[in-house]
Amino acid sequence: MASLLEVSDWERIARQELERRATRIVQSLDDGTLEAIASGSLDVRAVCRQVADEIKQTA
């Protein structure tokens, strides 16, 4: 606990962890999907919003 009290930049650490988790998800995608994301023809945020909306509708 004492060493945790010395950490002052929890926000940065949390952002890094979120990025690490997002990277793990991206690593599982196939090449075609990665190419679509990289070229901008697939908007991951828009897809996530659509899925979240669909989940809300079925709940």
N, C-alpha and C. Protein backbone atom coordinates (compact mmCIF):
# COMPACT_ATOMS: atom_id res chain seq x y z
N MET A 1 0.82 -1.18 0.00
CA MET A 1 0.00 0.00 0.00
C MET A 1 0.88 1.26 0.00
N ALA A 2 1.96 1.21 0.71
CA ALA A 2 2.84 2.39 0.78
C ALA A 2 3.36 2.78 -0.60
N SER A 3 3.71 1.78 -1.41
CA SER A 3 4.23 2.11 -2.75
C SER A 3 3.12 2.69 -3.63
N LEU A 4 1.88 2.28 -3.42
CA LEU A 4 0.78 2.85 -4.19
C LEU A 4 0.52 4.30 -3.83
N LEU A 5 0.78 4.65 -2.58
CA LEU A 5 0.60 6.02 -2.15
C LEU A 5 1.61 6.96 -2.81
N GLU A 6 2.72 6.41 -3.27
CA GLU A 6 3.75 7.22 -3.91
C GLU A 6 3.44 7.51 -5.38
N VAL A 7 2.53 6.77 -5.97
CA VAL A 7 2.17 6.99 -7.37
C VAL A 7 1.32 8.25 -7.47
N SER A 8 1.71 9.15 -8.34
CA SER A 8 0.97 10.41 -8.44
C SER A 8 0.22 10.57 -9.76
N ASP A 9 0.48 9.69 -10.72
CA ASP A 9 -0.08 9.88 -12.05
C ASP A 9 -1.02 8.74 -12.44
N TRP A 10 -2.03 8.52 -11.62
CA TRP A 10 -2.98 7.43 -11.86
C TRP A 10 -3.72 7.61 -13.18
N GLU A 11 -4.00 8.84 -13.58
CA GLU A 11 -4.71 9.09 -14.83
C GLU A 11 -3.92 8.58 -16.03
N ARG A 12 -2.63 8.87 -16.06
CA ARG A 12 -1.77 8.41 -17.15
C ARG A 12 -1.71 6.89 -17.17
N ILE A 13 -1.57 6.29 -16.03
CA ILE A 13 -1.50 4.83 -15.93
C ILE A 13 -2.79 4.20 -16.44
N ALA A 14 -3.92 4.77 -16.06
CA ALA A 14 -5.21 4.25 -16.52
C ALA A 14 -5.35 4.38 -18.02
N ARG A 15 -4.91 5.52 -18.59
CA ARG A 15 -4.97 5.70 -20.04
C ARG A 15 -4.10 4.67 -20.75
N GLN A 16 -2.92 4.41 -20.21
CA GLN A 16 -2.03 3.41 -20.80
C GLN A 16 -2.67 2.03 -20.77
N GLU A 17 -3.33 1.70 -19.68
CA GLU A 17 -3.98 0.40 -19.57
C GLU A 17 -5.13 0.28 -20.56
N LEU A 18 -5.90 1.34 -20.73
CA LEU A 18 -6.98 1.32 -21.72
C LEU A 18 -6.42 1.12 -23.13
N GLU A 19 -5.33 1.78 -23.42
CA GLU A 19 -4.70 1.62 -24.73
C GLU A 19 -4.18 0.20 -24.91
N ARG A 20 -3.59 -0.36 -23.87
CA ARG A 20 -3.10 -1.74 -23.93
C ARG A 20 -4.25 -2.70 -24.22
N ARG A 21 -5.38 -2.49 -23.56
CA ARG A 21 -6.54 -3.37 -23.78
C ARG A 21 -7.07 -3.22 -25.20
N ALA A 22 -7.14 -1.99 -25.69
CA ALA A 22 -7.60 -1.77 -27.06
C ALA A 22 -6.65 -2.45 -28.05
N THR A 23 -5.37 -2.39 -27.76
CA THR A 23 -4.38 -3.03 -28.63
C THR A 23 -4.59 -4.53 -28.67
N ARG A 24 -4.92 -5.13 -27.54
CA ARG A 24 -5.18 -6.57 -27.50
C ARG A 24 -6.37 -6.92 -28.38
N ILE A 25 -7.39 -6.09 -28.39
CA ILE A 25 -8.56 -6.34 -29.24
C ILE A 25 -8.16 -6.23 -30.70
N VAL A 26 -7.42 -5.19 -31.05
CA VAL A 26 -6.99 -4.98 -32.43
C VAL A 26 -6.12 -6.15 -32.91
N GLN A 27 -5.31 -6.69 -32.05
CA GLN A 27 -4.44 -7.81 -32.43
C GLN A 27 -5.24 -9.04 -32.85
N SER A 28 -6.47 -9.14 -32.40
CA SER A 28 -7.27 -10.32 -32.74
C SER A 28 -8.02 -10.16 -34.07
N LEU A 29 -7.97 -8.99 -34.69
CA LEU A 29 -8.68 -8.75 -35.94
C LEU A 29 -7.92 -9.33 -37.13
N ASP A 30 -8.68 -9.72 -38.15
CA ASP A 30 -8.04 -10.25 -39.36
C ASP A 30 -7.44 -9.11 -40.19
N ASP A 31 -6.62 -9.49 -41.16
CA ASP A 31 -5.91 -8.50 -41.97
C ASP A 31 -6.86 -7.58 -42.72
N GLY A 32 -7.94 -8.12 -43.27
CA GLY A 32 -8.89 -7.29 -44.01
C GLY A 32 -9.51 -6.21 -43.15
N THR A 33 -9.86 -6.58 -41.93
CA THR A 33 -10.45 -5.60 -41.01
C THR A 33 -9.42 -4.55 -40.62
N LEU A 34 -8.20 -4.98 -40.35
CA LEU A 34 -7.14 -4.03 -40.00
C LEU A 34 -6.87 -3.06 -41.15
N GLU A 35 -6.88 -3.57 -42.37
CA GLU A 35 -6.66 -2.71 -43.53
C GLU A 35 -7.79 -1.69 -43.68
N ALA A 36 -9.01 -2.13 -43.41
CA ALA A 36 -10.16 -1.22 -43.50
C ALA A 36 -10.06 -0.12 -42.44
N ILE A 37 -9.66 -0.48 -41.26
CA ILE A 37 -9.48 0.51 -40.19
C ILE A 37 -8.36 1.48 -40.56
N ALA A 38 -7.24 0.93 -41.00
CA ALA A 38 -6.08 1.75 -41.34
C ALA A 38 -6.37 2.72 -42.48
N SER A 39 -7.19 2.30 -43.42
CA SER A 39 -7.49 3.17 -44.56
C SER A 39 -8.60 4.17 -44.25
N GLY A 40 -9.29 3.97 -43.14
CA GLY A 40 -10.36 4.87 -42.77
C GLY A 40 -11.72 4.47 -43.33
N SER A 41 -11.78 3.33 -44.02
CA SER A 41 -13.06 2.90 -44.58
C SER A 41 -13.93 2.19 -43.54
N LEU A 42 -13.36 1.85 -42.41
CA LEU A 42 -14.13 1.27 -41.30
C LEU A 42 -13.90 2.13 -40.06
N ASP A 43 -14.96 2.70 -39.55
CA ASP A 43 -14.91 3.56 -38.37
C ASP A 43 -15.26 2.72 -37.14
N VAL A 44 -14.26 2.35 -36.40
CA VAL A 44 -14.45 1.45 -35.25
C VAL A 44 -15.38 2.09 -34.22
N ARG A 45 -15.22 3.37 -33.98
CA ARG A 45 -16.09 4.04 -33.00
C ARG A 45 -17.55 3.98 -33.43
N ALA A 46 -17.81 4.18 -34.72
CA ALA A 46 -19.18 4.11 -35.23
C ALA A 46 -19.75 2.71 -35.07
N VAL A 47 -18.94 1.71 -35.35
CA VAL A 47 -19.38 0.32 -35.18
C VAL A 47 -19.69 0.04 -33.71
N CYS A 48 -18.85 0.51 -32.83
CA CYS A 48 -19.07 0.31 -31.39
C CYS A 48 -20.36 0.98 -30.93
N ARG A 49 -20.60 2.20 -31.43
CA ARG A 49 -21.85 2.89 -31.10
C ARG A 49 -23.06 2.11 -31.59
N GLN A 50 -22.98 1.59 -32.80
CA GLN A 50 -24.08 0.83 -33.37
C GLN A 50 -24.36 -0.42 -32.54
N VAL A 51 -23.31 -1.14 -32.17
CA VAL A 51 -23.49 -2.34 -31.36
C VAL A 51 -24.07 -1.98 -29.99
N ALA A 52 -23.58 -0.93 -29.38
CA ALA A 52 -24.11 -0.50 -28.08
C ALA A 52 -25.60 -0.15 -28.18
N ASP A 53 -25.99 0.52 -29.27
CA ASP A 53 -27.40 0.85 -29.47
C ASP A 53 -28.24 -0.40 -29.64
N GLU A 54 -27.72 -1.38 -30.39
CA GLU A 54 -28.46 -2.63 -30.57
C GLU A 54 -28.61 -3.37 -29.26
N ILE A 55 -27.58 -3.35 -28.44
CA ILE A 55 -27.66 -4.01 -27.13
C ILE A 55 -28.71 -3.35 -26.26
N LYS A 56 -28.75 -2.02 -26.27
CA LYS A 56 -29.74 -1.30 -25.49
C LYS A 56 -31.16 -1.64 -25.94
N GLN A 57 -31.35 -1.81 -27.24
CA GLN A 57 -32.69 -2.09 -27.77
C GLN A 57 -33.18 -3.47 -27.37
N THR A 58 -32.25 -4.41 -27.21
CA THR A 58 -32.66 -5.77 -26.84
C THR A 58 -32.78 -5.97 -25.34
N ALA A 59 -32.30 -5.01 -24.59
CA ALA A 59 -32.33 -5.14 -23.12
C ALA A 59 -33.68 -4.76 -22.54
